[in-house]
Amino acid sequence: MDLETKNPPAASRAATAGGMIHAEQLTAASFAHKQTKIKRILAELARGGTLHRFQAELLHDHCLHSTVSKIQEYGIRVDREMITVPGFGGHPTRVAKYWLDAENRELAARLLGFSHGL
């Protein structure tokens, strides 16, 4: 299964509760070599970065909350808090800021195949 697949294969779904795949069950080799939006966002979070929707645009993600939802299907918990940032015309806009704690950064790194740290 790779990060481009919308649903895990039937065999994987059957082996996991609720169709959820856990990062511990996956290996880096199970992911395609092609760069994907989910992998770009997950890599940024795995390196300890934080992102909100406007920052994610720089990584070509126009719907960050959906990407975060998909990442969580892999058993990685993404923390968040609501913050206020300048929006269109400088007007205050509330957005969610996302990040991974240390344990979930480690899971993400393993999933992405980062073998020598981040």
PDB file of N, CA and C in Angstrom:
ATOM      1  N   MET A   1       0.836  -1.176   0.000  1.00  0.00           N
ATOM      2  CA  MET A   1       0.000   0.000   0.000  1.00  0.00           C
ATOM      3  C   MET A   1       0.880   1.239   0.000  1.00  0.00           C
ATOM      4  N   ASP A   2       0.494   2.284  -0.683  1.00  0.00           N
ATOM      5  CA  ASP A   2       1.284   3.503  -0.664  1.00  0.00           C
ATOM      6  C   ASP A   2       0.408   4.688  -0.291  1.00  0.00           C
ATOM      7  N   LEU A   3       1.024   5.834  -0.122  1.00  0.00           N
ATOM      8  CA  LEU A   3       0.291   7.024   0.308  1.00  0.00           C
ATOM      9  C   LEU A   3      -0.626   7.563  -0.767  1.00  0.00           C
ATOM     10  N   GLU A   4      -0.529   7.059  -1.992  1.00  0.00           N
ATOM     11  CA  GLU A   4      -1.423   7.514  -3.047  1.00  0.00           C
ATOM     12  C   GLU A   4      -2.716   6.711  -3.067  1.00  0.00           C
ATOM     13  N   THR A   5      -2.731   5.562  -2.425  1.00  0.00           N
ATOM     14  CA  THR A   5      -3.893   4.692  -2.433  1.00  0.00           C
ATOM     15  C   THR A   5      -4.953   5.253  -1.506  1.00  0.00           C
ATOM     16  N   LYS A   6      -6.166   5.421  -2.015  1.00  0.00           N
ATOM     17  CA  LYS A   6      -7.233   5.971  -1.192  1.00  0.00           C
ATOM     18  C   LYS A   6      -7.664   5.006  -0.109  1.00  0.00           C
ATOM     19  N   ASN A   7      -7.710   3.723  -0.404  1.00  0.00           N
ATOM     20  CA  ASN A   7      -8.085   2.718   0.569  1.00  0.00           C
ATOM     21  C   ASN A   7      -7.051   1.617   0.566  1.00  0.00           C
ATOM     22  N   PRO A   8      -6.758   1.056   1.761  1.00  0.00           N
ATOM     23  CA  PRO A   8      -5.811  -0.044   1.780  1.00  0.00           C
ATOM     24  C   PRO A   8      -6.379  -1.242   1.054  1.00  0.00           C
ATOM     25  N   PRO A   9      -5.514  -2.149   0.560  1.00  0.00           N
ATOM     26  CA  PRO A   9      -6.004  -3.358  -0.092  1.00  0.00           C
ATOM     27  C   PRO A   9      -6.933  -4.121   0.844  1.00  0.00           C
ATOM     28  N   ALA A  10      -7.835  -4.913   0.264  1.00  0.00           N
ATOM     29  CA  ALA A  10      -8.818  -5.641   1.053  1.00  0.00           C
ATOM     30  C   ALA A  10      -8.160  -6.473   2.140  1.00  0.00           C
ATOM     31  N   ALA A  11      -7.041  -7.118   1.839  1.00  0.00           N
ATOM     32  CA  ALA A  11      -6.363  -7.938   2.832  1.00  0.00           C
ATOM     33  C   ALA A  11      -5.901  -7.096   4.017  1.00  0.00           C
ATOM     34  N   SER A  12      -5.395  -5.882   3.745  1.00  0.00           N
ATOM     35  CA  SER A  12      -4.961  -5.002   4.823  1.00  0.00           C
ATOM     36  C   SER A  12      -6.137  -4.512   5.634  1.00  0.00           C
ATOM     37  N   ARG A  13      -7.239  -4.176   4.955  1.00  0.00           N
ATOM     38  CA  ARG A  13      -8.423  -3.717   5.676  1.00  0.00           C
ATOM     39  C   ARG A  13      -8.924  -4.801   6.603  1.00  0.00           C
ATOM     40  N   ALA A  14      -8.932  -6.038   6.126  1.00  0.00           N
ATOM     41  CA  ALA A  14      -9.441  -7.135   6.928  1.00  0.00           C
ATOM     42  C   ALA A  14      -8.576  -7.371   8.161  1.00  0.00           C
ATOM     43  N   ALA A  15      -7.295  -7.055   8.054  1.00  0.00           N
ATOM     44  CA  ALA A  15      -6.369  -7.334   9.144  1.00  0.00           C
ATOM     45  C   ALA A  15      -6.305  -6.223  10.175  1.00  0.00           C
ATOM     46  N   THR A  16      -6.977  -5.115   9.932  1.00  0.00           N
ATOM     47  CA  THR A  16      -6.896  -3.994  10.852  1.00  0.00           C
ATOM     48  C   THR A  16      -8.285  -3.582  11.301  1.00  0.00           C
ATOM     49  N   ALA A  17      -8.357  -3.012  12.481  1.00  0.00           N
ATOM     50  CA  ALA A  17      -9.642  -2.572  13.016  1.00  0.00           C
ATOM     51  C   ALA A  17     -10.129  -1.354  12.258  1.00  0.00           C
ATOM     52  N   GLY A  18     -11.323  -1.396  11.752  1.00  0.00           N
ATOM     53  CA  GLY A  18     -11.925  -0.254  11.092  1.00  0.00           C
ATOM     54  C   GLY A  18     -11.232   0.154   9.810  1.00  0.00           C
ATOM     55  N   GLY A  19     -10.431  -0.717   9.216  1.00  0.00           N
ATOM     56  CA  GLY A  19      -9.750  -0.376   7.982  1.00  0.00           C
ATOM     57  C   GLY A  19      -8.570   0.550   8.192  1.00  0.00           C
ATOM     58  N   MET A  20      -8.147   0.746   9.433  1.00  0.00           N
ATOM     59  CA  MET A  20      -7.060   1.668   9.729  1.00  0.00           C
ATOM     60  C   MET A  20      -5.733   0.932   9.711  1.00  0.00           C
ATOM     61  N   ILE A  21      -4.757   1.473   9.020  1.00  0.00           N
ATOM     62  CA  ILE A  21      -3.423   0.900   8.960  1.00  0.00           C
ATOM     63  C   ILE A  21      -2.563   1.639   9.971  1.00  0.00           C
ATOM     64  N   HIS A  22      -1.803   0.927  10.773  1.00  0.00           N
ATOM     65  CA  HIS A  22      -0.928   1.558  11.759  1.00  0.00           C
ATOM     66  C   HIS A  22       0.486   1.621  11.227  1.00  0.00           C
ATOM     67  N   ALA A  23       1.168   2.715  11.509  1.00  0.00           N
ATOM     68  CA  ALA A  23       2.512   2.931  10.992  1.00  0.00           C
ATOM     69  C   ALA A  23       3.453   1.798  11.376  1.00  0.00           C
ATOM     70  N   GLU A  24       3.245   1.191  12.553  1.00  0.00           N
ATOM     71  CA  GLU A  24       4.118   0.107  12.982  1.00  0.00           C
ATOM     72  C   GLU A  24       4.030  -1.083  12.036  1.00  0.00           C
ATOM     73  N   GLN A  25       2.915  -1.245  11.337  1.00  0.00           N
ATOM     74  CA  GLN A  25       2.714  -2.384  10.454  1.00  0.00           C
ATOM     75  C   GLN A  25       3.274  -2.137   9.055  1.00  0.00           C
ATOM     76  N   LEU A  26       3.667  -0.934   8.762  1.00  0.00           N
ATOM     77  CA  LEU A  26       4.126  -0.579   7.423  1.00  0.00           C
ATOM     78  C   LEU A  26       5.629  -0.437   7.391  1.00  0.00           C
ATOM     79  N   THR A  27       6.202  -0.585   6.222  1.00  0.00           N
ATOM     80  CA  THR A  27       7.629  -0.338   6.036  1.00  0.00           C
ATOM     81  C   THR A  27       7.790   0.720   4.959  1.00  0.00           C
ATOM     82  N   ALA A  28       8.949   1.340   4.938  1.00  0.00           N
ATOM     83  CA  ALA A  28       9.217   2.359   3.919  1.00  0.00           C
ATOM     84  C   ALA A  28       9.111   1.764   2.529  1.00  0.00           C
ATOM     85  N   ALA A  29       9.471   0.501   2.398  1.00  0.00           N
ATOM     86  CA  ALA A  29       9.424  -0.150   1.084  1.00  0.00           C
ATOM     87  C   ALA A  29       8.003  -0.267   0.561  1.00  0.00           C
ATOM     88  N   SER A  30       7.013  -0.147   1.440  1.00  0.00           N
ATOM     89  CA  SER A  30       5.633  -0.290   0.993  1.00  0.00           C
ATOM     90  C   SER A  30       5.098   0.986   0.350  1.00  0.00           C
ATOM     91  N   PHE A  31       5.880   2.050   0.361  1.00  0.00           N
ATOM     92  CA  PHE A  31       5.445   3.307  -0.225  1.00  0.00           C
ATOM     93  C   PHE A  31       6.083   3.522  -1.587  1.00  0.00           C
ATOM     94  N   ALA A  32       5.322   4.064  -2.501  1.00  0.00           N
ATOM     95  CA  ALA A  32       5.833   4.335  -3.853  1.00  0.00           C
ATOM     96  C   ALA A  32       6.934   5.390  -3.786  1.00  0.00           C
ATOM     97  N   HIS A  33       7.815   5.377  -4.761  1.00  0.00           N
ATOM     98  CA  HIS A  33       8.902   6.348  -4.807  1.00  0.00           C
ATOM     99  C   HIS A  33       8.430   7.722  -5.273  1.00  0.00           C
ATOM    100  N   LYS A  34       7.290   7.779  -5.921  1.00  0.00           N
ATOM    101  CA  LYS A  34       6.772   9.047  -6.432  1.00  0.00           C
ATOM    102  C   LYS A  34       6.388   9.977  -5.279  1.00  0.00           C
ATOM    103  N   GLN A  35       6.737  11.229  -5.411  1.00  0.00           N
ATOM    104  CA  GLN A  35       6.388  12.231  -4.414  1.00  0.00           C
ATOM    105  C   GLN A  35       4.880  12.483  -4.440  1.00  0.00           C
ATOM    106  N   THR A  36       4.270  12.554  -3.280  1.00  0.00           N
ATOM    107  CA  THR A  36       2.845  12.848  -3.187  1.00  0.00           C
ATOM    108  C   THR A  36       2.612  13.974  -2.189  1.00  0.00           C
ATOM    109  N   LYS A  37       1.451  14.560  -2.257  1.00  0.00           N
ATOM    110  CA  LYS A  37       1.092  15.627  -1.328  1.00  0.00           C
ATOM    111  C   LYS A  37       1.146  15.123   0.110  1.00  0.00           C
ATOM    112  N   ILE A  38       0.608  13.953   0.359  1.00  0.00           N
ATOM    113  CA  ILE A  38       0.597  13.416   1.716  1.00  0.00           C
ATOM    114  C   ILE A  38       2.025  13.223   2.217  1.00  0.00           C
ATOM    115  N   LYS A  39       2.894  12.711   1.377  1.00  0.00           N
ATOM    116  CA  LYS A  39       4.280  12.510   1.778  1.00  0.00           C
ATOM    117  C   LYS A  39       4.991  13.832   2.029  1.00  0.00           C
ATOM    118  N   ARG A  40       4.712  14.854   1.222  1.00  0.00           N
ATOM    119  CA  ARG A  40       5.344  16.164   1.437  1.00  0.00           C
ATOM    120  C   ARG A  40       4.933  16.740   2.785  1.00  0.00           C
ATOM    121  N   ILE A  41       3.646  16.683   3.088  1.00  0.00           N
ATOM    122  CA  ILE A  41       3.143  17.231   4.353  1.00  0.00           C
ATOM    123  C   ILE A  41       3.665  16.405   5.524  1.00  0.00           C
ATOM    124  N   LEU A  42       3.591  15.084   5.409  1.00  0.00           N
ATOM    125  CA  LEU A  42       4.062  14.219   6.489  1.00  0.00           C
ATOM    126  C   LEU A  42       5.548  14.422   6.744  1.00  0.00           C
ATOM    127  N   ALA A  43       6.348  14.586   5.698  1.00  0.00           N
ATOM    128  CA  ALA A  43       7.785  14.817   5.863  1.00  0.00           C
ATOM    129  C   ALA A  43       8.048  16.119   6.612  1.00  0.00           C
ATOM    130  N   GLU A  44       7.319  17.160   6.276  1.00  0.00           N
ATOM    131  CA  GLU A  44       7.488  18.440   6.974  1.00  0.00           C
ATOM    132  C   GLU A  44       7.146  18.298   8.455  1.00  0.00           C
ATOM    133  N   LEU A  45       6.063  17.611   8.755  1.00  0.00           N
ATOM    134  CA  LEU A  45       5.673  17.410  10.148  1.00  0.00           C
ATOM    135  C   LEU A  45       6.655  16.477  10.862  1.00  0.00           C
ATOM    136  N   ALA A  46       7.155  15.459  10.169  1.00  0.00           N
ATOM    137  CA  ALA A  46       8.105  14.514  10.760  1.00  0.00           C
ATOM    138  C   ALA A  46       9.417  15.202  11.122  1.00  0.00           C
ATOM    139  N   ARG A  47       9.767  16.228  10.384  1.00  0.00           N
ATOM    140  CA  ARG A  47      11.003  16.984  10.673  1.00  0.00           C
ATOM    141  C   ARG A  47      10.813  17.953  11.837  1.00  0.00           C
ATOM    142  N   GLY A  48       9.615  17.976  12.409  1.00  0.00           N
ATOM    143  CA  GLY A  48       9.353  18.857  13.545  1.00  0.00           C
ATOM    144  C   GLY A  48       8.714  20.172  13.158  1.00  0.00           C
ATOM    145  N   GLY A  49       8.348  20.324  11.896  1.00  0.00           N
ATOM    146  CA  GLY A  49       7.707  21.551  11.442  1.00  0.00           C
ATOM    147  C   GLY A  49       6.257  21.632  11.881  1.00  0.00           C
ATOM    148  N   THR A  50       5.734  22.832  11.839  1.00  0.00           N
ATOM    149  CA  THR A  50       4.305  23.057  12.052  1.00  0.00           C
ATOM    150  C   THR A  50       3.753  23.674  10.778  1.00  0.00           C
ATOM    151  N   LEU A  51       2.488  23.420  10.525  1.00  0.00           N
ATOM    152  CA  LEU A  51       1.855  23.952   9.313  1.00  0.00           C
ATOM    153  C   LEU A  51       0.437  24.409   9.600  1.00  0.00           C
ATOM    154  N   HIS A  52       0.056  25.507   8.955  1.00  0.00           N
ATOM    155  CA  HIS A  52      -1.356  25.860   8.857  1.00  0.00           C
ATOM    156  C   HIS A  52      -1.684  25.957   7.373  1.00  0.00           C
ATOM    157  N   ARG A  53      -2.932  26.160   7.045  1.00  0.00           N
ATOM    158  CA  ARG A  53      -3.386  26.045   5.655  1.00  0.00           C
ATOM    159  C   ARG A  53      -2.634  26.938   4.673  1.00  0.00           C
ATOM    160  N   PHE A  54      -2.248  28.128   5.080  1.00  0.00           N
ATOM    161  CA  PHE A  54      -1.558  29.028   4.162  1.00  0.00           C
ATOM    162  C   PHE A  54      -0.106  28.595   3.954  1.00  0.00           C
ATOM    163  N   GLN A  55       0.537  28.082   4.993  1.00  0.00           N
ATOM    164  CA  GLN A  55       1.895  27.564   4.848  1.00  0.00           C
ATOM    165  C   GLN A  55       1.904  26.320   3.969  1.00  0.00           C
ATOM    166  N   ALA A  56       0.866  25.497   4.079  1.00  0.00           N
ATOM    167  CA  ALA A  56       0.779  24.266   3.290  1.00  0.00           C
ATOM    168  C   ALA A  56       0.678  24.555   1.795  1.00  0.00           C
ATOM    169  N   GLU A  57       0.207  25.736   1.437  1.00  0.00           N
ATOM    170  CA  GLU A  57       0.143  26.115   0.021  1.00  0.00           C
ATOM    171  C   GLU A  57       1.534  26.063  -0.616  1.00  0.00           C
ATOM    172  N   LEU A  58       2.571  26.380   0.155  1.00  0.00           N
ATOM    173  CA  LEU A  58       3.943  26.339  -0.361  1.00  0.00           C
ATOM    174  C   LEU A  58       4.372  24.914  -0.703  1.00  0.00           C
ATOM    175  N   LEU A  59       3.692  23.934  -0.116  1.00  0.00           N
ATOM    176  CA  LEU A  59       3.948  22.523  -0.410  1.00  0.00           C
ATOM    177  C   LEU A  59       2.903  21.972  -1.376  1.00  0.00           C
ATOM    178  N   HIS A  60       2.174  22.873  -2.010  1.00  0.00           N
ATOM    179  CA  HIS A  60       1.149  22.540  -3.007  1.00  0.00           C
ATOM    180  C   HIS A  60      -0.014  21.746  -2.428  1.00  0.00           C
ATOM    181  N   ASP A  61      -0.362  22.054  -1.175  1.00  0.00           N
ATOM    182  CA  ASP A  61      -1.529  21.440  -0.542  1.00  0.00           C
ATOM    183  C   ASP A  61      -2.563  22.533  -0.355  1.00  0.00           C
ATOM    184  N   HIS A  62      -3.681  22.373  -1.032  1.00  0.00           N
ATOM    185  CA  HIS A  62      -4.739  23.386  -0.982  1.00  0.00           C
ATOM    186  C   HIS A  62      -5.874  22.994  -0.046  1.00  0.00           C
ATOM    187  N   CYS A  63      -5.745  21.854   0.611  1.00  0.00           N
ATOM    188  CA  CYS A  63      -6.805  21.362   1.485  1.00  0.00           C
ATOM    189  C   CYS A  63      -6.161  20.598   2.645  1.00  0.00           C
ATOM    190  N   LEU A  64      -5.399  21.303   3.470  1.00  0.00           N
ATOM    191  CA  LEU A  64      -4.577  20.689   4.503  1.00  0.00           C
ATOM    192  C   LEU A  64      -5.380  19.820   5.467  1.00  0.00           C
ATOM    193  N   HIS A  65      -6.560  20.252   5.848  1.00  0.00           N
ATOM    194  CA  HIS A  65      -7.327  19.456   6.818  1.00  0.00           C
ATOM    195  C   HIS A  65      -7.646  18.064   6.277  1.00  0.00           C
ATOM    196  N   SER A  66      -7.867  17.940   4.986  1.00  0.00           N
ATOM    197  CA  SER A  66      -8.118  16.628   4.386  1.00  0.00           C
ATOM    198  C   SER A  66      -6.851  15.780   4.359  1.00  0.00           C
ATOM    199  N   THR A  67      -5.726  16.403   4.096  1.00  0.00           N
ATOM    200  CA  THR A  67      -4.454  15.686   4.096  1.00  0.00           C
ATOM    201  C   THR A  67      -4.149  15.170   5.502  1.00  0.00           C
ATOM    202  N   VAL A  68      -4.374  15.996   6.502  1.00  0.00           N
ATOM    203  CA  VAL A  68      -4.158  15.585   7.889  1.00  0.00           C
ATOM    204  C   VAL A  68      -5.074  14.415   8.240  1.00  0.00           C
ATOM    205  N   SER A  69      -6.304  14.469   7.792  1.00  0.00           N
ATOM    206  CA  SER A  69      -7.236  13.371   8.033  1.00  0.00           C
ATOM    207  C   SER A  69      -6.706  12.072   7.436  1.00  0.00           C
ATOM    208  N   LYS A  70      -6.177  12.138   6.230  1.00  0.00           N
ATOM    209  CA  LYS A  70      -5.627  10.951   5.568  1.00  0.00           C
ATOM    210  C   LYS A  70      -4.396  10.438   6.312  1.00  0.00           C
ATOM    211  N   ILE A  71      -3.529  11.337   6.768  1.00  0.00           N
ATOM    212  CA  ILE A  71      -2.346  10.937   7.533  1.00  0.00           C
ATOM    213  C   ILE A  71      -2.772  10.164   8.780  1.00  0.00           C
ATOM    214  N   GLN A  72      -3.804  10.605   9.436  1.00  0.00           N
ATOM    215  CA  GLN A  72      -4.273   9.952  10.657  1.00  0.00           C
ATOM    216  C   GLN A  72      -4.813   8.547  10.385  1.00  0.00           C
ATOM    217  N   GLU A  73      -5.243   8.268   9.163  1.00  0.00           N
ATOM    218  CA  GLU A  73      -5.687   6.923   8.813  1.00  0.00           C
ATOM    219  C   GLU A  73      -4.539   5.931   8.874  1.00  0.00           C
ATOM    220  N   TYR A  74      -3.298   6.412   8.840  1.00  0.00           N
ATOM    221  CA  TYR A  74      -2.123   5.566   8.935  1.00  0.00           C
ATOM    222  C   TYR A  74      -1.676   5.361  10.375  1.00  0.00           C
ATOM    223  N   GLY A  75      -2.489   5.791  11.334  1.00  0.00           N
ATOM    224  CA  GLY A  75      -2.182   5.582  12.738  1.00  0.00           C
ATOM    225  C   GLY A  75      -1.272   6.632  13.339  1.00  0.00           C
ATOM    226  N   ILE A  76      -1.077   7.730  12.651  1.00  0.00           N
ATOM    227  CA  ILE A  76      -0.238   8.819  13.148  1.00  0.00           C
ATOM    228  C   ILE A  76      -1.157   9.910  13.684  1.00  0.00           C
ATOM    229  N   ARG A  77      -0.996  10.235  14.967  1.00  0.00           N
ATOM    230  CA  ARG A  77      -1.829  11.286  15.569  1.00  0.00           C
ATOM    231  C   ARG A  77      -1.217  12.653  15.257  1.00  0.00           C
ATOM    232  N   VAL A  78      -2.016  13.534  14.700  1.00  0.00           N
ATOM    233  CA  VAL A  78      -1.577  14.883  14.366  1.00  0.00           C
ATOM    234  C   VAL A  78      -2.227  15.838  15.363  1.00  0.00           C
ATOM    235  N   ASP A  79      -1.381  16.535  16.136  1.00  0.00           N
ATOM    236  CA  ASP A  79      -1.886  17.506  17.100  1.00  0.00           C
ATOM    237  C   ASP A  79      -2.237  18.793  16.377  1.00  0.00           C
ATOM    238  N   ARG A  80      -3.106  19.596  17.013  1.00  0.00           N
ATOM    239  CA  ARG A  80      -3.540  20.844  16.392  1.00  0.00           C
ATOM    240  C   ARG A  80      -4.034  21.825  17.439  1.00  0.00           C
ATOM    241  N   GLU A  81      -4.016  23.093  17.056  1.00  0.00           N
ATOM    242  CA  GLU A  81      -4.637  24.146  17.841  1.00  0.00           C
ATOM    243  C   GLU A  81      -5.103  25.233  16.879  1.00  0.00           C
ATOM    244  N   MET A  82      -6.126  25.946  17.267  1.00  0.00           N
ATOM    245  CA  MET A  82      -6.627  27.042  16.449  1.00  0.00           C
ATOM    246  C   MET A  82      -5.822  28.299  16.764  1.00  0.00           C
ATOM    247  N   ILE A  83      -5.383  28.971  15.706  1.00  0.00           N
ATOM    248  CA  ILE A  83      -4.623  30.214  15.843  1.00  0.00           C
ATOM    249  C   ILE A  83      -5.220  31.255  14.898  1.00  0.00           C
ATOM    250  N   THR A  84      -4.844  32.494  15.089  1.00  0.00           N
ATOM    251  CA  THR A  84      -5.279  33.569  14.204  1.00  0.00           C
ATOM    252  C   THR A  84      -4.066  34.084  13.433  1.00  0.00           C
ATOM    253  N   VAL A  85      -4.234  34.156  12.110  1.00  0.00           N
ATOM    254  CA  VAL A  85      -3.167  34.637  11.223  1.00  0.00           C
ATOM    255  C   VAL A  85      -3.761  35.680  10.287  1.00  0.00           C
ATOM    256  N   PRO A  86      -2.905  36.505   9.656  1.00  0.00           N
ATOM    257  CA  PRO A  86      -3.430  37.435   8.666  1.00  0.00           C
ATOM    258  C   PRO A  86      -3.947  36.661   7.441  1.00  0.00           C
ATOM    259  N   GLY A  87      -5.146  36.975   7.017  1.00  0.00           N
ATOM    260  CA  GLY A  87      -5.728  36.355   5.836  1.00  0.00           C
ATOM    261  C   GLY A  87      -5.791  37.345   4.693  1.00  0.00           C
ATOM    262  N   PHE A  88      -6.760  37.175   3.816  1.00  0.00           N
ATOM    263  CA  PHE A  88      -6.933  38.050   2.660  1.00  0.00           C
ATOM    264  C   PHE A  88      -7.039  39.498   3.111  1.00  0.00           C
ATOM    265  N   GLY A  89      -6.255  40.348   2.497  1.00  0.00           N
ATOM    266  CA  GLY A  89      -6.270  41.771   2.833  1.00  0.00           C
ATOM    267  C   GLY A  89      -5.759  42.061   4.233  1.00  0.00           C
ATOM    268  N   GLY A  90      -5.072  41.095   4.850  1.00  0.00           N
ATOM    269  CA  GLY A  90      -4.550  41.294   6.198  1.00  0.00           C
ATOM    270  C   GLY A  90      -5.567  41.099   7.299  1.00  0.00           C
ATOM    271  N   HIS A  91      -6.787  40.710   6.939  1.00  0.00           N
ATOM    272  CA  HIS A  91      -7.824  40.505   7.950  1.00  0.00           C
ATOM    273  C   HIS A  91      -7.541  39.243   8.764  1.00  0.00           C
ATOM    274  N   PRO A  92      -7.767  39.285  10.077  1.00  0.00           N
ATOM    275  CA  PRO A  92      -7.520  38.113  10.920  1.00  0.00           C
ATOM    276  C   PRO A  92      -8.365  36.917  10.466  1.00  0.00           C
ATOM    277  N   THR A  93      -7.712  35.785  10.402  1.00  0.00           N
ATOM    278  CA  THR A  93      -8.362  34.547   9.975  1.00  0.00           C
ATOM    279  C   THR A  93      -7.959  33.439  10.928  1.00  0.00           C
ATOM    280  N   ARG A  94      -8.940  32.660  11.375  1.00  0.00           N
ATOM    281  CA  ARG A  94      -8.643  31.529  12.264  1.00  0.00           C
ATOM    282  C   ARG A  94      -8.365  30.288  11.428  1.00  0.00           C
ATOM    283  N   VAL A  95      -7.252  29.641  11.763  1.00  0.00           N
ATOM    284  CA  VAL A  95      -6.854  28.418  11.072  1.00  0.00           C
ATOM    285  C   VAL A  95      -6.338  27.420  12.106  1.00  0.00           C
ATOM    286  N   ALA A  96      -6.293  26.160  11.711  1.00  0.00           N
ATOM    287  CA  ALA A  96      -5.691  25.138  12.565  1.00  0.00           C
ATOM    288  C   ALA A  96      -4.202  25.044  12.244  1.00  0.00           C
ATOM    289  N   LYS A  97      -3.385  25.003  13.291  1.00  0.00           N
ATOM    290  CA  LYS A  97      -1.947  24.770  13.146  1.00  0.00           C
ATOM    291  C   LYS A  97      -1.710  23.320  13.555  1.00  0.00           C
ATOM    292  N   TYR A  98      -0.988  22.550  12.714  1.00  0.00           N
ATOM    293  CA  TYR A  98      -0.781  21.118  12.925  1.00  0.00           C
ATOM    294  C   TYR A  98       0.683  20.817  13.199  1.00  0.00           C
ATOM    295  N   TRP A  99       0.943  19.785  14.011  1.00  0.00           N
ATOM    296  CA  TRP A  99       2.291  19.310  14.288  1.00  0.00           C
ATOM    297  C   TRP A  99       2.217  17.887  14.820  1.00  0.00           C
ATOM    298  N   LEU A 100       3.385  17.237  14.920  1.00  0.00           N
ATOM    299  CA  LEU A 100       3.490  15.898  15.473  1.00  0.00           C
ATOM    300  C   LEU A 100       4.316  15.946  16.750  1.00  0.00           C
ATOM    301  N   ASP A 101       3.889  15.194  17.769  1.00  0.00           N
ATOM    302  CA  ASP A 101       4.723  15.060  18.963  1.00  0.00           C
ATOM    303  C   ASP A 101       5.880  14.111  18.639  1.00  0.00           C
ATOM    304  N   ALA A 102       6.795  13.951  19.574  1.00  0.00           N
ATOM    305  CA  ALA A 102       8.015  13.159  19.324  1.00  0.00           C
ATOM    306  C   ALA A 102       7.704  11.727  18.910  1.00  0.00           C
ATOM    307  N   GLU A 103       6.770  11.087  19.588  1.00  0.00           N
ATOM    308  CA  GLU A 103       6.433   9.696  19.268  1.00  0.00           C
ATOM    309  C   GLU A 103       5.889   9.572  17.847  1.00  0.00           C
ATOM    310  N   ASN A 104       5.014  10.480  17.457  1.00  0.00           N
ATOM    311  CA  ASN A 104       4.418  10.424  16.128  1.00  0.00           C
ATOM    312  C   ASN A 104       5.387  10.885  15.043  1.00  0.00           C
ATOM    313  N   ARG A 105       6.346  11.762  15.389  1.00  0.00           N
ATOM    314  CA  ARG A 105       7.409  12.106  14.432  1.00  0.00           C
ATOM    315  C   ARG A 105       8.238  10.866  14.119  1.00  0.00           C
ATOM    316  N   GLU A 106       8.513  10.063  15.148  1.00  0.00           N
ATOM    317  CA  GLU A 106       9.274   8.822  14.945  1.00  0.00           C
ATOM    318  C   GLU A 106       8.498   7.847  14.054  1.00  0.00           C
ATOM    319  N   LEU A 107       7.202   7.690  14.304  1.00  0.00           N
ATOM    320  CA  LEU A 107       6.370   6.825  13.458  1.00  0.00           C
ATOM    321  C   LEU A 107       6.376   7.312  12.012  1.00  0.00           C
ATOM    322  N   ALA A 108       6.221   8.620  11.854  1.00  0.00           N
ATOM    323  CA  ALA A 108       6.191   9.196  10.502  1.00  0.00           C
ATOM    324  C   ALA A 108       7.527   8.992   9.798  1.00  0.00           C
ATOM    325  N   ALA A 109       8.626   9.178  10.525  1.00  0.00           N
ATOM    326  CA  ALA A 109       9.952   9.009   9.937  1.00  0.00           C
ATOM    327  C   ALA A 109      10.144   7.574   9.460  1.00  0.00           C
ATOM    328  N   ARG A 110       9.726   6.611  10.278  1.00  0.00           N
ATOM    329  CA  ARG A 110       9.834   5.202   9.869  1.00  0.00           C
ATOM    330  C   ARG A 110       8.994   4.926   8.641  1.00  0.00           C
ATOM    331  N   LEU A 111       7.785   5.451   8.630  1.00  0.00           N
ATOM    332  CA  LEU A 111       6.885   5.247   7.510  1.00  0.00           C
ATOM    333  C   LEU A 111       7.462   5.827   6.222  1.00  0.00           C
ATOM    334  N   LEU A 112       8.110   6.967   6.329  1.00  0.00           N
ATOM    335  CA  LEU A 112       8.686   7.636   5.167  1.00  0.00           C
ATOM    336  C   LEU A 112      10.048   7.073   4.770  1.00  0.00           C
ATOM    337  N   GLY A 113      10.617   6.238   5.638  1.00  0.00           N
ATOM    338  CA  GLY A 113      11.911   5.625   5.308  1.00  0.00           C
ATOM    339  C   GLY A 113      13.090   6.500   5.659  1.00  0.00           C
ATOM    340  N   PHE A 114      12.915   7.425   6.590  1.00  0.00           N
ATOM    341  CA  PHE A 114      14.036   8.247   7.051  1.00  0.00           C
ATOM    342  C   PHE A 114      14.861   7.390   7.987  1.00  0.00           C
ATOM    343  N   SER A 115      15.991   6.887   7.539  1.00  0.00           N
ATOM    344  CA  SER A 115      16.773   5.934   8.339  1.00  0.00           C
ATOM    345  C   SER A 115      17.823   6.590   9.229  1.00  0.00           C
ATOM    346  N   HIS A 116      18.246   7.791   8.917  1.00  0.00           N
ATOM    347  CA  HIS A 116      19.320   8.424   9.679  1.00  0.00           C
ATOM    348  C   HIS A 116      18.856   9.655  10.411  1.00  0.00           C
ATOM    349  N   GLY A 117      17.641   9.623  10.935  1.00  0.00           N
ATOM    350  CA  GLY A 117      17.134  10.776  11.665  1.00  0.00           C
ATOM    351  C   GLY A 117      16.580  11.828  10.724  1.00  0.00           C
ATOM    352  N   LEU A 118      16.123  12.875  11.324  1.00  0.00           N
ATOM    353  CA  LEU A 118      15.471  13.923  10.544  1.00  0.00           C
ATOM    354  C   LEU A 118      16.284  15.182  10.527  1.00  0.00           C
TER     355      LEU A 118
END
